[in-house]
């Protein structure tokens, strides 16, 4: 069965666990973010939500998942200030 995971800083993802999503609070370090994404892919998470700040740190790494249907990696706002995306 597929699952939904949320990766981000604790303040930004706290509420997601209350609606049944698995949350992964990690430091904003590039290698830790990549490792967590890989672990969720191996555990067959279908949807991975990732906070803005963290997605910007691993922007180039996320390109390998862009054309794949699973997992869908979706960026969500952080609880702190708004971040501007590059397209």
N, C-alpha and C. Protein backbone atom coordinates (compact mmCIF):
# COMPACT_ATOMS: atom_id res chain seq x y z
N UNK A 1 0.83 -1.17 0.00
CA UNK A 1 0.00 0.00 0.00
C UNK A 1 0.89 1.24 0.00
N UNK A 2 0.51 2.22 -0.77
CA UNK A 2 1.28 3.46 -0.85
C UNK A 2 0.98 4.36 0.34
N UNK A 3 2.00 5.18 0.68
CA UNK A 3 1.87 6.07 1.83
C UNK A 3 2.18 7.51 1.41
N UNK A 4 1.89 8.44 2.32
CA UNK A 4 2.19 9.85 2.09
C UNK A 4 3.14 10.31 3.20
N UNK A 5 4.22 10.96 2.79
CA UNK A 5 5.19 11.46 3.76
C UNK A 5 5.41 12.96 3.59
N UNK A 6 5.80 13.60 4.68
CA UNK A 6 6.07 15.03 4.68
C UNK A 6 7.44 15.26 5.30
N UNK A 7 8.31 15.97 4.56
CA UNK A 7 9.66 16.26 5.03
C UNK A 7 9.80 17.76 5.23
N UNK A 8 10.33 18.15 6.38
CA UNK A 8 10.53 19.57 6.61
C UNK A 8 10.96 19.85 8.03
N UNK A 9 11.03 21.12 8.35
CA UNK A 9 11.35 21.51 9.72
C UNK A 9 10.12 21.23 10.58
N UNK A 10 10.35 21.02 11.86
CA UNK A 10 9.28 20.60 12.77
C UNK A 10 8.08 21.54 12.78
N UNK A 11 8.31 22.83 12.79
CA UNK A 11 7.19 23.79 12.84
C UNK A 11 6.31 23.71 11.59
N UNK A 12 6.91 23.44 10.45
CA UNK A 12 6.17 23.43 9.19
C UNK A 12 5.36 22.16 8.98
N UNK A 13 5.78 21.04 9.57
CA UNK A 13 5.12 19.77 9.27
C UNK A 13 4.31 19.20 10.42
N UNK A 14 4.33 19.85 11.55
CA UNK A 14 3.68 19.34 12.76
C UNK A 14 2.22 18.94 12.53
N UNK A 15 1.46 19.75 11.87
CA UNK A 15 0.04 19.48 11.68
C UNK A 15 -0.29 18.30 10.78
N UNK A 16 0.64 17.92 9.92
CA UNK A 16 0.37 16.84 8.97
C UNK A 16 0.20 15.48 9.64
N UNK A 17 0.88 15.27 10.76
CA UNK A 17 0.74 13.99 11.45
C UNK A 17 -0.67 13.81 12.03
N UNK A 18 -1.32 14.91 12.35
CA UNK A 18 -2.67 14.82 12.91
C UNK A 18 -3.70 14.35 11.89
N UNK A 19 -3.36 14.43 10.62
CA UNK A 19 -4.29 13.94 9.59
C UNK A 19 -3.80 12.65 8.94
N UNK A 20 -2.88 11.96 9.65
CA UNK A 20 -2.49 10.62 9.24
C UNK A 20 -1.29 10.50 8.32
N UNK A 21 -0.61 11.58 8.05
CA UNK A 21 0.57 11.51 7.20
C UNK A 21 1.81 11.26 8.06
N UNK A 22 2.76 10.54 7.49
CA UNK A 22 4.02 10.30 8.18
C UNK A 22 4.90 11.53 8.01
N UNK A 23 5.44 12.04 9.12
CA UNK A 23 6.25 13.25 9.06
C UNK A 23 7.70 12.93 9.42
N UNK A 24 8.61 13.67 8.77
CA UNK A 24 10.03 13.48 8.96
C UNK A 24 10.68 14.84 9.15
N UNK A 25 10.92 15.16 10.41
CA UNK A 25 11.53 16.43 10.76
C UNK A 25 13.04 16.25 10.71
N UNK A 26 13.69 16.99 9.81
CA UNK A 26 15.13 16.86 9.65
C UNK A 26 15.78 18.23 9.59
N UNK A 27 17.09 18.22 9.79
CA UNK A 27 17.86 19.46 9.66
C UNK A 27 17.91 19.84 8.20
N UNK A 28 18.13 21.10 7.93
CA UNK A 28 18.18 21.56 6.54
C UNK A 28 19.58 21.34 5.97
N UNK A 29 19.95 20.08 5.84
CA UNK A 29 21.22 19.71 5.26
C UNK A 29 20.96 18.90 4.01
N UNK A 30 21.62 19.27 2.95
CA UNK A 30 21.41 18.66 1.64
C UNK A 30 21.47 17.13 1.67
N UNK A 31 22.51 16.57 2.26
CA UNK A 31 22.67 15.11 2.24
C UNK A 31 21.59 14.41 3.06
N UNK A 32 21.18 15.00 4.17
CA UNK A 32 20.13 14.40 4.99
C UNK A 32 18.78 14.43 4.26
N UNK A 33 18.52 15.49 3.53
CA UNK A 33 17.28 15.58 2.76
C UNK A 33 17.26 14.50 1.68
N UNK A 34 18.36 14.39 0.94
CA UNK A 34 18.45 13.38 -0.13
C UNK A 34 18.30 11.97 0.44
N UNK A 35 18.96 11.70 1.56
CA UNK A 35 18.88 10.37 2.19
C UNK A 35 17.45 10.05 2.60
N UNK A 36 16.76 11.02 3.18
CA UNK A 36 15.38 10.80 3.61
C UNK A 36 14.47 10.54 2.42
N UNK A 37 14.64 11.29 1.34
CA UNK A 37 13.84 11.05 0.13
C UNK A 37 14.08 9.64 -0.39
N UNK A 38 15.34 9.22 -0.47
CA UNK A 38 15.67 7.87 -0.96
C UNK A 38 15.01 6.80 -0.09
N UNK A 39 15.04 6.99 1.23
CA UNK A 39 14.41 6.02 2.13
C UNK A 39 12.90 5.93 1.89
N UNK A 40 12.27 7.07 1.66
CA UNK A 40 10.83 7.06 1.42
C UNK A 40 10.50 6.41 0.07
N UNK A 41 11.34 6.62 -0.91
CA UNK A 41 11.15 5.98 -2.22
C UNK A 41 11.25 4.46 -2.05
N UNK A 42 12.25 4.00 -1.32
CA UNK A 42 12.42 2.55 -1.09
C UNK A 42 11.24 1.95 -0.34
N UNK A 43 10.63 2.73 0.55
CA UNK A 43 9.48 2.25 1.33
C UNK A 43 8.15 2.46 0.61
N UNK A 44 8.22 2.80 -0.67
CA UNK A 44 7.05 2.95 -1.54
C UNK A 44 6.09 4.05 -1.13
N UNK A 45 6.60 5.19 -0.74
CA UNK A 45 5.76 6.36 -0.52
C UNK A 45 5.37 6.90 -1.89
N UNK A 46 4.09 7.10 -2.11
CA UNK A 46 3.60 7.57 -3.40
C UNK A 46 3.67 9.08 -3.52
N UNK A 47 3.47 9.77 -2.39
CA UNK A 47 3.50 11.23 -2.37
C UNK A 47 4.45 11.67 -1.27
N UNK A 48 5.35 12.57 -1.63
CA UNK A 48 6.27 13.14 -0.66
C UNK A 48 6.14 14.65 -0.73
N UNK A 49 5.69 15.24 0.36
CA UNK A 49 5.63 16.69 0.46
C UNK A 49 6.95 17.17 1.05
N UNK A 50 7.48 18.25 0.49
CA UNK A 50 8.78 18.77 0.90
C UNK A 50 8.67 20.28 1.04
N UNK A 51 9.14 20.83 2.15
CA UNK A 51 9.02 22.27 2.34
C UNK A 51 9.87 23.04 1.32
N UNK A 52 9.47 24.28 1.08
CA UNK A 52 10.13 25.14 0.09
C UNK A 52 11.63 25.22 0.30
N UNK A 53 12.03 25.56 1.51
CA UNK A 53 13.46 25.73 1.79
C UNK A 53 14.25 24.46 1.47
N UNK A 54 13.71 23.33 1.84
CA UNK A 54 14.42 22.08 1.59
C UNK A 54 14.44 21.73 0.12
N UNK A 55 13.36 22.02 -0.58
CA UNK A 55 13.34 21.71 -2.02
C UNK A 55 14.38 22.54 -2.77
N UNK A 56 14.61 23.75 -2.32
CA UNK A 56 15.63 24.59 -2.97
C UNK A 56 17.04 24.06 -2.73
N UNK A 57 17.25 23.43 -1.58
CA UNK A 57 18.57 22.87 -1.29
C UNK A 57 18.90 21.65 -2.15
N UNK A 58 17.87 20.93 -2.59
CA UNK A 58 18.09 19.71 -3.39
C UNK A 58 17.43 19.81 -4.76
N UNK A 59 17.29 21.02 -5.24
CA UNK A 59 16.58 21.28 -6.51
C UNK A 59 17.12 20.43 -7.66
N UNK A 60 18.42 20.35 -7.82
CA UNK A 60 19.01 19.57 -8.89
C UNK A 60 18.78 18.07 -8.69
N UNK A 61 18.80 17.62 -7.46
CA UNK A 61 18.57 16.21 -7.14
C UNK A 61 17.15 15.78 -7.48
N UNK A 62 16.19 16.67 -7.28
CA UNK A 62 14.78 16.35 -7.53
C UNK A 62 14.47 16.17 -9.01
N UNK A 63 15.33 16.63 -9.88
CA UNK A 63 15.10 16.50 -11.32
C UNK A 63 14.94 15.04 -11.74
N UNK A 64 15.62 14.13 -11.07
CA UNK A 64 15.52 12.72 -11.46
C UNK A 64 14.13 12.14 -11.21
N UNK A 65 13.33 12.80 -10.37
CA UNK A 65 11.97 12.33 -10.09
C UNK A 65 10.91 13.08 -10.88
N UNK A 66 11.29 14.09 -11.61
CA UNK A 66 10.34 14.95 -12.31
C UNK A 66 9.46 14.18 -13.30
N UNK A 67 10.02 13.26 -14.05
CA UNK A 67 9.26 12.53 -15.07
C UNK A 67 8.60 11.26 -14.55
N UNK A 68 8.83 10.91 -13.30
CA UNK A 68 8.26 9.68 -12.74
C UNK A 68 6.91 9.99 -12.11
N UNK A 69 6.00 9.03 -12.23
CA UNK A 69 4.68 9.21 -11.62
C UNK A 69 4.74 8.96 -10.12
N UNK A 70 5.56 8.01 -9.71
CA UNK A 70 5.68 7.69 -8.29
C UNK A 70 7.15 7.71 -7.94
N UNK A 71 7.55 8.43 -6.95
CA UNK A 71 6.73 9.26 -6.08
C UNK A 71 6.48 10.63 -6.70
N UNK A 72 5.37 11.21 -6.32
CA UNK A 72 5.11 12.60 -6.67
C UNK A 72 5.72 13.43 -5.54
N UNK A 73 6.67 14.28 -5.87
CA UNK A 73 7.29 15.12 -4.85
C UNK A 73 6.74 16.53 -5.03
N UNK A 74 6.04 16.98 -4.01
CA UNK A 74 5.29 18.22 -4.07
C UNK A 74 5.83 19.20 -3.04
N UNK A 75 6.12 20.41 -3.47
CA UNK A 75 6.64 21.43 -2.58
C UNK A 75 5.49 22.13 -1.86
N UNK A 76 5.69 22.33 -0.55
CA UNK A 76 4.70 23.03 0.27
C UNK A 76 5.37 24.22 0.95
N UNK A 77 4.61 25.22 1.33
CA UNK A 77 5.19 26.38 2.01
C UNK A 77 5.76 25.99 3.37
N UNK A 78 6.80 26.69 3.77
CA UNK A 78 7.35 26.53 5.11
C UNK A 78 6.57 27.42 6.06
N UNK A 79 6.70 27.17 7.34
CA UNK A 79 6.00 28.01 8.31
C UNK A 79 6.66 29.38 8.44
N UNK A 80 7.89 29.49 7.99
CA UNK A 80 8.58 30.78 8.06
C UNK A 80 8.32 31.59 6.79
N UNK A 81 9.18 32.51 6.48
CA UNK A 81 8.96 33.42 5.36
C UNK A 81 8.78 32.72 4.02
N UNK A 82 8.15 33.41 3.10
CA UNK A 82 7.89 32.91 1.75
C UNK A 82 9.19 32.88 0.95
N UNK A 83 9.35 31.83 0.16
CA UNK A 83 10.52 31.66 -0.69
C UNK A 83 10.11 31.80 -2.14
N UNK A 84 10.92 32.44 -2.94
CA UNK A 84 10.63 32.60 -4.36
C UNK A 84 11.26 31.45 -5.13
N UNK A 85 10.49 30.84 -6.02
CA UNK A 85 10.96 29.71 -6.81
C UNK A 85 11.54 30.17 -8.14
N UNK A 86 12.52 29.42 -8.59
CA UNK A 86 13.04 29.60 -9.95
C UNK A 86 12.36 28.57 -10.83
N UNK A 87 12.07 28.94 -12.07
CA UNK A 87 11.41 27.99 -12.97
C UNK A 87 12.28 27.64 -14.12
